[in-house]
């Protein structure tokens, strides 16, 4: 198990302190905010940056150059742009297809019905390495209120050789409270 520390809104020095305790993977929502932190923390050799927020097409080149992971692929256009702008010498960019598993209008991601087709398209692009799906469930205090992974068949995902990186906020809340 690897822990992804969500560092959006945190100062570079706070990230440095967490790094000193052994944390290596950090998630950021915004390319511009992350770029400033990446520059400030460039002396940390094995730090790994994940983009976990929605990606605008005009920021795709910067994301492809600076991040190790983009976990928010929600359509073919952004995937194609990342693929086209990833430098060959960097190796493939690890990516996840973001699925809007609870159909919330406030959340990004592709509808579950289109997730597998998008995953197949993303998986065929050079410069990208499809690693799985990412979704955020609706916040709910009851385990029974949790939304299943949006009707996307888990067996099919494993059949495609994909991992599932679902951020199930309701379950995390229940475990911590």
N, C-alpha and C. Protein backbone atom coordinates (compact mmCIF):
# COMPACT_ATOMS: atom_id res chain seq x y z
N UNK A 1 0.85 -1.18 0.00
CA UNK A 1 0.00 0.00 0.00
C UNK A 1 0.89 1.23 0.00
N UNK A 2 0.56 2.16 -0.87
CA UNK A 2 1.26 3.45 -0.93
C UNK A 2 0.28 4.54 -0.58
N UNK A 3 0.72 5.48 0.20
CA UNK A 3 -0.11 6.59 0.61
C UNK A 3 0.16 7.80 -0.28
N UNK A 4 -0.88 8.39 -0.79
CA UNK A 4 -0.78 9.63 -1.56
C UNK A 4 -1.22 10.76 -0.65
N UNK A 5 -0.30 11.63 -0.29
CA UNK A 5 -0.61 12.76 0.57
C UNK A 5 -1.14 13.90 -0.29
N UNK A 6 -2.34 14.35 0.00
CA UNK A 6 -2.93 15.46 -0.73
C UNK A 6 -2.33 16.74 -0.17
N UNK A 7 -1.51 17.39 -0.98
CA UNK A 7 -0.76 18.56 -0.53
C UNK A 7 -1.27 19.87 -1.10
N UNK A 8 -2.42 19.82 -1.77
CA UNK A 8 -2.98 21.06 -2.32
C UNK A 8 -3.20 22.05 -1.20
N UNK A 9 -2.83 23.28 -1.44
CA UNK A 9 -3.01 24.33 -0.45
C UNK A 9 -1.97 24.35 0.65
N UNK A 10 -1.05 23.39 0.64
CA UNK A 10 -0.02 23.32 1.67
C UNK A 10 1.25 24.00 1.18
N UNK A 11 1.98 24.60 2.10
CA UNK A 11 3.24 25.26 1.76
C UNK A 11 4.32 24.22 1.43
N UNK A 12 5.27 24.62 0.62
CA UNK A 12 6.37 23.73 0.24
C UNK A 12 7.10 23.21 1.47
N UNK A 13 7.26 24.03 2.48
CA UNK A 13 7.98 23.60 3.69
C UNK A 13 7.21 22.52 4.45
N UNK A 14 5.90 22.55 4.42
CA UNK A 14 5.10 21.50 5.04
C UNK A 14 5.29 20.18 4.29
N UNK A 15 5.37 20.26 2.98
CA UNK A 15 5.62 19.07 2.17
C UNK A 15 7.01 18.53 2.47
N UNK A 16 7.99 19.42 2.59
CA UNK A 16 9.35 19.02 2.91
C UNK A 16 9.40 18.29 4.26
N UNK A 17 8.65 18.78 5.24
CA UNK A 17 8.61 18.14 6.55
C UNK A 17 8.03 16.74 6.46
N UNK A 18 6.96 16.57 5.70
CA UNK A 18 6.36 15.25 5.53
C UNK A 18 7.29 14.33 4.77
N UNK A 19 7.99 14.86 3.80
CA UNK A 19 8.99 14.10 3.05
C UNK A 19 10.07 13.56 4.00
N UNK A 20 10.47 14.37 4.96
CA UNK A 20 11.50 13.96 5.92
C UNK A 20 11.07 12.74 6.74
N UNK A 21 9.75 12.53 6.86
CA UNK A 21 9.23 11.36 7.57
C UNK A 21 9.02 10.16 6.65
N UNK A 22 9.40 10.30 5.38
CA UNK A 22 9.33 9.17 4.45
C UNK A 22 8.23 9.22 3.41
N UNK A 23 7.35 10.20 3.46
CA UNK A 23 6.30 10.33 2.45
C UNK A 23 6.93 10.77 1.12
N UNK A 24 6.57 10.12 0.03
CA UNK A 24 7.17 10.44 -1.27
C UNK A 24 6.17 10.89 -2.33
N UNK A 25 4.93 10.45 -2.25
CA UNK A 25 3.93 10.77 -3.28
C UNK A 25 2.99 11.86 -2.78
N UNK A 26 2.86 12.92 -3.58
CA UNK A 26 2.05 14.08 -3.19
C UNK A 26 1.07 14.41 -4.30
N UNK A 27 -0.17 14.71 -3.93
CA UNK A 27 -1.22 15.03 -4.89
C UNK A 27 -1.57 16.50 -4.88
N UNK A 28 -1.65 17.08 -6.06
CA UNK A 28 -1.96 18.50 -6.24
C UNK A 28 -3.16 18.66 -7.17
N UNK A 29 -3.94 19.70 -6.92
CA UNK A 29 -5.11 19.98 -7.75
C UNK A 29 -4.83 20.87 -8.94
N UNK A 30 -3.86 21.77 -8.80
CA UNK A 30 -3.64 22.78 -9.82
C UNK A 30 -2.22 22.74 -10.34
N UNK A 31 -2.06 22.76 -11.65
CA UNK A 31 -0.75 22.69 -12.29
C UNK A 31 0.12 23.87 -11.87
N UNK A 32 -0.43 25.06 -11.89
CA UNK A 32 0.37 26.25 -11.58
C UNK A 32 0.86 26.24 -10.13
N UNK A 33 -0.02 25.92 -9.19
CA UNK A 33 0.36 25.85 -7.78
C UNK A 33 1.41 24.76 -7.56
N UNK A 34 1.21 23.62 -8.20
CA UNK A 34 2.15 22.51 -8.07
C UNK A 34 3.52 22.85 -8.66
N UNK A 35 3.53 23.55 -9.77
CA UNK A 35 4.80 23.90 -10.42
C UNK A 35 5.70 24.72 -9.50
N UNK A 36 5.10 25.64 -8.76
CA UNK A 36 5.89 26.45 -7.81
C UNK A 36 6.47 25.56 -6.72
N UNK A 37 5.69 24.61 -6.23
CA UNK A 37 6.18 23.69 -5.20
C UNK A 37 7.26 22.76 -5.76
N UNK A 38 7.06 22.30 -6.97
CA UNK A 38 8.05 21.42 -7.60
C UNK A 38 9.40 22.12 -7.71
N UNK A 39 9.38 23.38 -8.09
CA UNK A 39 10.61 24.16 -8.19
C UNK A 39 11.25 24.32 -6.82
N UNK A 40 10.45 24.64 -5.81
CA UNK A 40 10.97 24.84 -4.45
C UNK A 40 11.52 23.56 -3.84
N UNK A 41 11.01 22.41 -4.29
CA UNK A 41 11.40 21.12 -3.71
C UNK A 41 12.22 20.27 -4.68
N UNK A 42 12.80 20.89 -5.68
CA UNK A 42 13.55 20.16 -6.71
C UNK A 42 14.74 19.39 -6.15
N UNK A 43 15.21 19.75 -4.98
CA UNK A 43 16.35 19.06 -4.37
C UNK A 43 15.97 17.72 -3.75
N UNK A 44 14.69 17.40 -3.67
CA UNK A 44 14.24 16.12 -3.11
C UNK A 44 14.19 15.10 -4.24
N UNK A 45 15.12 14.16 -4.26
CA UNK A 45 15.35 13.34 -5.45
C UNK A 45 14.23 12.39 -5.85
N UNK A 46 13.53 11.80 -4.92
CA UNK A 46 12.56 10.77 -5.30
C UNK A 46 11.12 11.16 -4.97
N UNK A 47 10.86 12.45 -4.94
CA UNK A 47 9.49 12.92 -4.72
C UNK A 47 8.67 12.64 -5.98
N UNK A 48 7.42 12.24 -5.78
CA UNK A 48 6.56 11.87 -6.91
C UNK A 48 5.31 12.74 -6.86
N UNK A 49 5.03 13.42 -7.96
CA UNK A 49 3.91 14.35 -8.04
C UNK A 49 2.75 13.76 -8.83
N UNK A 50 1.55 13.85 -8.26
CA UNK A 50 0.32 13.37 -8.89
C UNK A 50 -0.62 14.55 -9.09
N UNK A 51 -1.17 14.68 -10.27
CA UNK A 51 -2.22 15.66 -10.51
C UNK A 51 -3.54 14.97 -10.19
N UNK A 52 -4.27 15.51 -9.21
CA UNK A 52 -5.52 14.89 -8.78
C UNK A 52 -6.72 15.81 -9.00
N UNK A 53 -6.47 16.96 -9.62
CA UNK A 53 -7.55 17.90 -9.92
C UNK A 53 -7.84 17.90 -11.41
N UNK A 54 -8.95 18.49 -11.80
CA UNK A 54 -9.30 18.55 -13.22
C UNK A 54 -8.20 19.26 -14.01
N UNK A 55 -7.96 18.78 -15.20
CA UNK A 55 -6.91 19.34 -16.05
C UNK A 55 -7.52 20.04 -17.26
N UNK A 56 -7.16 21.32 -17.40
CA UNK A 56 -7.59 22.08 -18.57
C UNK A 56 -6.63 21.76 -19.71
N UNK A 57 -7.16 21.76 -20.91
CA UNK A 57 -6.38 21.43 -22.10
C UNK A 57 -5.14 22.33 -22.24
N UNK A 58 -5.26 23.62 -21.90
CA UNK A 58 -4.13 24.53 -22.06
C UNK A 58 -3.03 24.29 -21.01
N UNK A 59 -3.27 23.46 -20.02
CA UNK A 59 -2.26 23.13 -19.00
C UNK A 59 -1.69 21.72 -19.22
N UNK A 60 -2.13 21.04 -20.26
CA UNK A 60 -1.72 19.66 -20.48
C UNK A 60 -0.22 19.53 -20.74
N UNK A 61 0.37 20.43 -21.51
CA UNK A 61 1.80 20.36 -21.79
C UNK A 61 2.62 20.44 -20.50
N UNK A 62 2.27 21.38 -19.64
CA UNK A 62 2.98 21.53 -18.36
C UNK A 62 2.77 20.30 -17.49
N UNK A 63 1.55 19.77 -17.46
CA UNK A 63 1.27 18.58 -16.66
C UNK A 63 2.06 17.39 -17.17
N UNK A 64 2.11 17.22 -18.48
CA UNK A 64 2.85 16.10 -19.07
C UNK A 64 4.34 16.18 -18.76
N UNK A 65 4.85 17.39 -18.66
CA UNK A 65 6.28 17.58 -18.41
C UNK A 65 6.64 17.43 -16.92
N UNK A 66 5.75 17.83 -16.03
CA UNK A 66 6.13 17.96 -14.61
C UNK A 66 5.61 16.86 -13.69
N UNK A 67 4.52 16.21 -14.04
CA UNK A 67 3.93 15.22 -13.14
C UNK A 67 4.34 13.80 -13.52
N UNK A 68 4.37 12.92 -12.51
CA UNK A 68 4.58 11.49 -12.73
C UNK A 68 3.26 10.79 -13.02
N UNK A 69 2.18 11.33 -12.44
CA UNK A 69 0.84 10.76 -12.59
C UNK A 69 -0.16 11.88 -12.89
N UNK A 70 -1.15 11.56 -13.72
CA UNK A 70 -2.36 12.39 -13.86
C UNK A 70 -3.52 11.44 -13.62
N UNK A 71 -4.24 11.68 -12.54
CA UNK A 71 -5.31 10.75 -12.14
C UNK A 71 -6.69 11.21 -12.57
N UNK A 72 -6.76 12.20 -13.45
CA UNK A 72 -8.06 12.81 -13.76
C UNK A 72 -8.35 12.87 -15.27
N UNK A 73 -8.05 11.80 -15.96
CA UNK A 73 -8.39 11.74 -17.39
C UNK A 73 -9.90 11.51 -17.49
N UNK A 74 -10.61 12.50 -18.07
CA UNK A 74 -12.06 12.38 -18.15
C UNK A 74 -12.60 12.44 -19.58
N UNK A 75 -11.70 12.41 -20.54
CA UNK A 75 -12.14 12.41 -21.93
C UNK A 75 -10.96 12.17 -22.86
N UNK A 76 -11.24 11.80 -24.09
CA UNK A 76 -10.16 11.48 -25.03
C UNK A 76 -9.30 12.69 -25.39
N UNK A 77 -9.87 13.87 -25.45
CA UNK A 77 -9.10 15.05 -25.89
C UNK A 77 -7.94 15.34 -24.94
N UNK A 78 -8.18 15.29 -23.64
CA UNK A 78 -7.12 15.59 -22.69
C UNK A 78 -6.07 14.48 -22.70
N UNK A 79 -6.50 13.24 -22.87
CA UNK A 79 -5.56 12.12 -22.95
C UNK A 79 -4.67 12.25 -24.20
N UNK A 80 -5.27 12.60 -25.32
CA UNK A 80 -4.50 12.77 -26.56
C UNK A 80 -3.51 13.92 -26.43
N UNK A 81 -3.91 14.98 -25.78
CA UNK A 81 -3.01 16.13 -25.58
C UNK A 81 -1.83 15.75 -24.67
N UNK A 82 -2.10 15.05 -23.59
CA UNK A 82 -1.02 14.59 -22.71
C UNK A 82 -0.07 13.66 -23.46
N UNK A 83 -0.62 12.75 -24.23
CA UNK A 83 0.19 11.81 -24.99
C UNK A 83 1.08 12.53 -25.99
N UNK A 84 0.51 13.51 -26.68
CA UNK A 84 1.25 14.24 -27.72
C UNK A 84 2.35 15.12 -27.14
N UNK A 85 2.19 15.56 -25.88
CA UNK A 85 3.16 16.50 -25.32
C UNK A 85 4.14 15.86 -24.34
N UNK A 86 3.98 14.59 -24.03
CA UNK A 86 4.91 13.91 -23.12
C UNK A 86 6.21 13.64 -23.87
N UNK A 87 7.33 14.10 -23.32
CA UNK A 87 8.64 13.88 -23.93
C UNK A 87 9.02 12.41 -23.85
N UNK A 88 9.51 11.85 -24.93
CA UNK A 88 9.85 10.43 -24.98
C UNK A 88 10.89 10.06 -23.93
N UNK A 89 11.82 10.96 -23.66
CA UNK A 89 12.87 10.68 -22.69
C UNK A 89 12.38 10.56 -21.26
N UNK A 90 11.17 11.01 -20.98
CA UNK A 90 10.61 10.93 -19.64
C UNK A 90 9.97 9.59 -19.33
N UNK A 91 9.75 8.79 -20.33
CA UNK A 91 9.00 7.56 -20.12
C UNK A 91 7.51 7.89 -20.09
N UNK A 92 6.69 6.86 -20.08
CA UNK A 92 5.25 7.11 -20.13
C UNK A 92 4.74 7.78 -18.86
N UNK A 93 3.71 8.59 -19.03
CA UNK A 93 3.03 9.25 -17.93
C UNK A 93 1.99 8.28 -17.38
N UNK A 94 2.06 7.99 -16.08
CA UNK A 94 1.06 7.13 -15.45
C UNK A 94 -0.25 7.90 -15.33
N UNK A 95 -1.34 7.28 -15.75
CA UNK A 95 -2.64 7.96 -15.74
C UNK A 95 -3.74 7.04 -15.23
N UNK A 96 -4.78 7.68 -14.71
CA UNK A 96 -6.02 7.00 -14.32
C UNK A 96 -7.18 7.69 -15.03
N UNK A 97 -8.16 6.91 -15.41
CA UNK A 97 -9.41 7.45 -15.93
C UNK A 97 -10.26 7.81 -14.72
N UNK A 98 -10.73 9.06 -14.67
CA UNK A 98 -11.58 9.49 -13.57
C UNK A 98 -13.03 9.22 -13.92
N UNK A 99 -13.69 8.49 -13.04
CA UNK A 99 -15.09 8.12 -13.23
C UNK A 99 -15.94 8.87 -12.20
N UNK A 100 -16.98 9.54 -12.66
CA UNK A 100 -17.91 10.21 -11.76
C UNK A 100 -18.90 9.17 -11.27
N UNK A 101 -18.48 8.44 -10.25
CA UNK A 101 -19.23 7.25 -9.82
C UNK A 101 -20.55 7.56 -9.15
N UNK A 102 -20.72 8.78 -8.67
CA UNK A 102 -21.97 9.11 -7.98
C UNK A 102 -22.82 10.10 -8.77
N UNK A 103 -22.41 10.39 -10.00
CA UNK A 103 -23.17 11.27 -10.91
C UNK A 103 -23.43 12.64 -10.29
N UNK A 104 -22.49 13.13 -9.49
CA UNK A 104 -22.63 14.45 -8.90
C UNK A 104 -22.20 15.51 -9.91
N UNK A 105 -22.99 16.55 -10.04
CA UNK A 105 -22.65 17.62 -10.98
C UNK A 105 -21.43 18.41 -10.52
N UNK A 106 -21.12 18.36 -9.23
CA UNK A 106 -19.97 19.09 -8.70
C UNK A 106 -18.65 18.34 -8.90
N UNK A 107 -18.72 17.11 -9.38
CA UNK A 107 -17.52 16.30 -9.56
C UNK A 107 -17.21 16.12 -11.04
N UNK A 108 -15.92 16.04 -11.34
CA UNK A 108 -15.48 15.77 -12.71
C UNK A 108 -15.46 14.27 -12.95
N UNK A 109 -15.20 13.89 -14.15
CA UNK A 109 -15.08 12.48 -14.50
C UNK A 109 -16.09 12.07 -15.54
N UNK A 110 -15.76 10.98 -16.19
CA UNK A 110 -16.64 10.43 -17.22
C UNK A 110 -17.74 9.61 -16.54
N UNK A 111 -18.88 9.53 -17.17
CA UNK A 111 -19.96 8.70 -16.66
C UNK A 111 -19.53 7.24 -16.69
N UNK A 112 -19.98 6.44 -15.75
CA UNK A 112 -19.57 5.04 -15.70
C UNK A 112 -19.78 4.28 -17.02
N UNK A 113 -20.85 4.61 -17.73
CA UNK A 113 -21.14 3.90 -18.98
C UNK A 113 -20.05 4.09 -20.03
N UNK A 114 -19.32 5.20 -19.96
CA UNK A 114 -18.26 5.45 -20.93
C UNK A 114 -16.86 5.14 -20.45
N UNK A 115 -16.73 4.68 -19.21
CA UNK A 115 -15.41 4.50 -18.60
C UNK A 115 -14.54 3.45 -19.31
N UNK A 116 -15.13 2.32 -19.63
CA UNK A 116 -14.32 1.26 -20.26
C UNK A 116 -13.86 1.65 -21.66
N UNK A 117 -14.74 2.28 -22.42
CA UNK A 117 -14.34 2.72 -23.76
C UNK A 117 -13.23 3.75 -23.68
N UNK A 118 -13.33 4.69 -22.74
CA UNK A 118 -12.27 5.67 -22.57
C UNK A 118 -10.97 4.99 -22.12
N UNK A 119 -11.08 4.05 -21.21
CA UNK A 119 -9.88 3.33 -20.75
C UNK A 119 -9.18 2.63 -21.91
N UNK A 120 -9.95 2.00 -22.78
CA UNK A 120 -9.34 1.33 -23.95
C UNK A 120 -8.65 2.34 -24.86
N UNK A 121 -9.28 3.48 -25.07
CA UNK A 121 -8.69 4.52 -25.92
C UNK A 121 -7.42 5.08 -25.30
N UNK A 122 -7.46 5.37 -24.01
CA UNK A 122 -6.29 5.90 -23.30
C UNK A 122 -5.16 4.89 -23.32
N UNK A 123 -5.50 3.63 -23.10
CA UNK A 123 -4.49 2.56 -23.08
C UNK A 123 -3.76 2.37 -24.39
N UNK A 124 -4.32 2.85 -25.47
CA UNK A 124 -3.68 2.69 -26.78
C UNK A 124 -2.78 3.87 -27.15
N UNK A 125 -2.75 4.90 -26.32
CA UNK A 125 -1.98 6.10 -26.66
C UNK A 125 -0.52 5.97 -26.26
N UNK A 126 0.40 6.34 -27.16
CA UNK A 126 1.81 6.33 -26.78
C UNK A 126 2.09 7.45 -25.78
N UNK A 127 3.02 7.23 -24.92
CA UNK A 127 3.38 8.26 -23.95
C UNK A 127 2.56 8.21 -22.67
N UNK A 128 1.53 7.36 -22.64
CA UNK A 128 0.71 7.20 -21.45
C UNK A 128 0.72 5.74 -21.01
N UNK A 129 0.69 5.53 -19.70
CA UNK A 129 0.56 4.18 -19.15
C UNK A 129 -0.69 4.17 -18.28
N UNK A 130 -1.74 3.54 -18.79
CA UNK A 130 -2.99 3.48 -18.05
C UNK A 130 -2.81 2.57 -16.85
N UNK A 131 -3.06 3.12 -15.66
CA UNK A 131 -2.86 2.38 -14.41
C UNK A 131 -4.16 2.00 -13.72
N UNK A 132 -5.26 2.61 -14.11
CA UNK A 132 -6.52 2.24 -13.48
C UNK A 132 -7.56 3.32 -13.55
N UNK A 133 -8.49 3.25 -12.62
CA UNK A 133 -9.60 4.18 -12.52
C UNK A 133 -9.50 4.93 -11.20
N UNK A 134 -9.97 6.15 -11.20
CA UNK A 134 -10.05 6.93 -9.97
C UNK A 134 -11.46 7.50 -9.88
N UNK A 135 -12.04 7.38 -8.72
CA UNK A 135 -13.36 7.94 -8.51
C UNK A 135 -13.53 8.39 -7.08
N UNK A 136 -14.39 9.35 -6.86
CA UNK A 136 -14.68 9.83 -5.52
C UNK A 136 -16.18 9.61 -5.29
N UNK A 137 -16.48 8.80 -4.30
CA UNK A 137 -17.89 8.51 -4.00
C UNK A 137 -18.54 9.71 -3.34
N UNK A 138 -19.84 9.74 -3.41
CA UNK A 138 -20.60 10.77 -2.72
C UNK A 138 -20.36 10.63 -1.22
N UNK A 139 -20.26 11.75 -0.54
CA UNK A 139 -20.07 11.72 0.90
C UNK A 139 -21.35 11.27 1.56
N UNK A 140 -21.25 10.24 2.38
CA UNK A 140 -22.41 9.68 3.04
C UNK A 140 -21.94 9.06 4.35
N UNK A 141 -22.69 9.24 5.39
CA UNK A 141 -22.29 8.73 6.70
C UNK A 141 -22.58 7.25 6.88
N UNK A 142 -23.37 6.65 6.04
CA UNK A 142 -23.71 5.25 6.23
C UNK A 142 -23.05 4.40 5.17
N UNK A 143 -22.57 3.27 5.60
CA UNK A 143 -21.93 2.34 4.67
C UNK A 143 -22.92 1.93 3.58
N UNK A 144 -24.19 1.79 3.95
CA UNK A 144 -25.20 1.38 2.97
C UNK A 144 -25.51 2.48 1.97
N UNK A 145 -25.16 3.73 2.31
CA UNK A 145 -25.38 4.84 1.40
C UNK A 145 -24.28 4.99 0.37
N UNK A 146 -23.22 4.20 0.50
CA UNK A 146 -22.11 4.33 -0.45
C UNK A 146 -22.53 3.86 -1.83
N UNK A 147 -22.08 4.56 -2.82
CA UNK A 147 -22.41 4.24 -4.20
C UNK A 147 -21.41 3.22 -4.71
N UNK A 148 -21.84 2.11 -5.31
CA UNK A 148 -20.88 1.19 -5.88
C UNK A 148 -20.12 1.87 -7.00
N UNK A 149 -19.12 1.25 -7.53
CA UNK A 149 -18.26 1.91 -8.51
C UNK A 149 -19.01 2.17 -9.80
N UNK A 150 -20.12 2.87 -9.67
CA UNK A 150 -20.86 3.43 -10.79
C UNK A 150 -21.32 2.44 -11.84
N UNK A 151 -21.46 1.20 -11.50
CA UNK A 151 -21.91 0.22 -12.48
C UNK A 151 -20.81 -0.29 -13.38
N UNK A 152 -19.59 0.22 -13.22
CA UNK A 152 -18.47 -0.31 -14.00
C UNK A 152 -18.13 -1.66 -13.38
N UNK A 153 -18.12 -2.68 -14.16
CA UNK A 153 -17.89 -4.03 -13.67
C UNK A 153 -16.44 -4.19 -13.21
N UNK A 154 -16.26 -4.43 -11.91
CA UNK A 154 -14.91 -4.56 -11.34
C UNK A 154 -14.16 -5.71 -12.02
N UNK A 155 -14.82 -6.81 -12.30
CA UNK A 155 -14.15 -7.94 -12.94
C UNK A 155 -13.63 -7.54 -14.32
N UNK A 156 -14.38 -6.72 -15.04
CA UNK A 156 -13.93 -6.25 -16.35
C UNK A 156 -12.69 -5.39 -16.20
N UNK A 157 -12.68 -4.52 -15.17
CA UNK A 157 -11.50 -3.68 -14.96
C UNK A 157 -10.27 -4.53 -14.68
N UNK A 158 -10.42 -5.54 -13.82
CA UNK A 158 -9.28 -6.41 -13.56
C UNK A 158 -8.91 -7.21 -14.80
N UNK A 159 -9.90 -7.56 -15.61
CA UNK A 159 -9.64 -8.25 -16.86
C UNK A 159 -8.82 -7.42 -17.82
N UNK A 160 -8.96 -6.09 -17.72
CA UNK A 160 -8.15 -5.19 -18.54
C UNK A 160 -6.77 -4.97 -17.93
N UNK A 161 -6.52 -5.57 -16.76
CA UNK A 161 -5.24 -5.41 -16.09
C UNK A 161 -5.11 -4.08 -15.37
N UNK A 162 -6.22 -3.53 -14.93
CA UNK A 162 -6.22 -2.21 -14.31
C UNK A 162 -6.41 -2.31 -12.80
N UNK A 163 -5.85 -1.35 -12.11
CA UNK A 163 -6.10 -1.20 -10.68
C UNK A 163 -7.26 -0.24 -10.50
N UNK A 164 -7.83 -0.23 -9.36
CA UNK A 164 -8.90 0.70 -9.06
C UNK A 164 -8.44 1.59 -7.91
N UNK A 165 -8.29 2.87 -8.18
CA UNK A 165 -7.87 3.83 -7.16
C UNK A 165 -9.06 4.66 -6.77
N UNK A 166 -9.99 4.07 -6.05
CA UNK A 166 -11.21 4.78 -5.68
C UNK A 166 -11.01 5.47 -4.34
N UNK A 167 -11.27 6.75 -4.31
CA UNK A 167 -11.17 7.51 -3.07
C UNK A 167 -12.56 7.52 -2.46
N UNK A 168 -12.81 6.58 -1.61
CA UNK A 168 -14.15 6.41 -1.06
C UNK A 168 -14.22 7.19 0.24
N UNK A 169 -14.63 8.45 0.13
CA UNK A 169 -14.60 9.36 1.26
C UNK A 169 -15.50 8.90 2.40
N UNK A 170 -16.63 8.33 2.09
CA UNK A 170 -17.54 7.90 3.16
C UNK A 170 -16.90 6.81 4.00
N UNK A 171 -16.24 5.86 3.39
CA UNK A 171 -15.61 4.77 4.12
C UNK A 171 -14.45 5.30 4.96
N UNK A 172 -13.66 6.18 4.41
CA UNK A 172 -12.55 6.76 5.16
C UNK A 172 -13.10 7.50 6.38
N UNK A 173 -14.15 8.26 6.19
CA UNK A 173 -14.76 8.97 7.30
C UNK A 173 -15.19 8.00 8.39
N UNK A 174 -15.82 6.90 7.99
CA UNK A 174 -16.30 5.93 8.98
C UNK A 174 -15.13 5.30 9.73
N UNK A 175 -14.04 5.03 9.05
CA UNK A 175 -12.90 4.39 9.70
C UNK A 175 -12.20 5.34 10.67
N UNK A 176 -12.21 6.61 10.39
CA UNK A 176 -11.50 7.58 11.22
C UNK A 176 -12.35 8.10 12.38
N UNK A 177 -13.66 7.95 12.29
CA UNK A 177 -14.54 8.54 13.33
C UNK A 177 -15.06 7.50 14.28
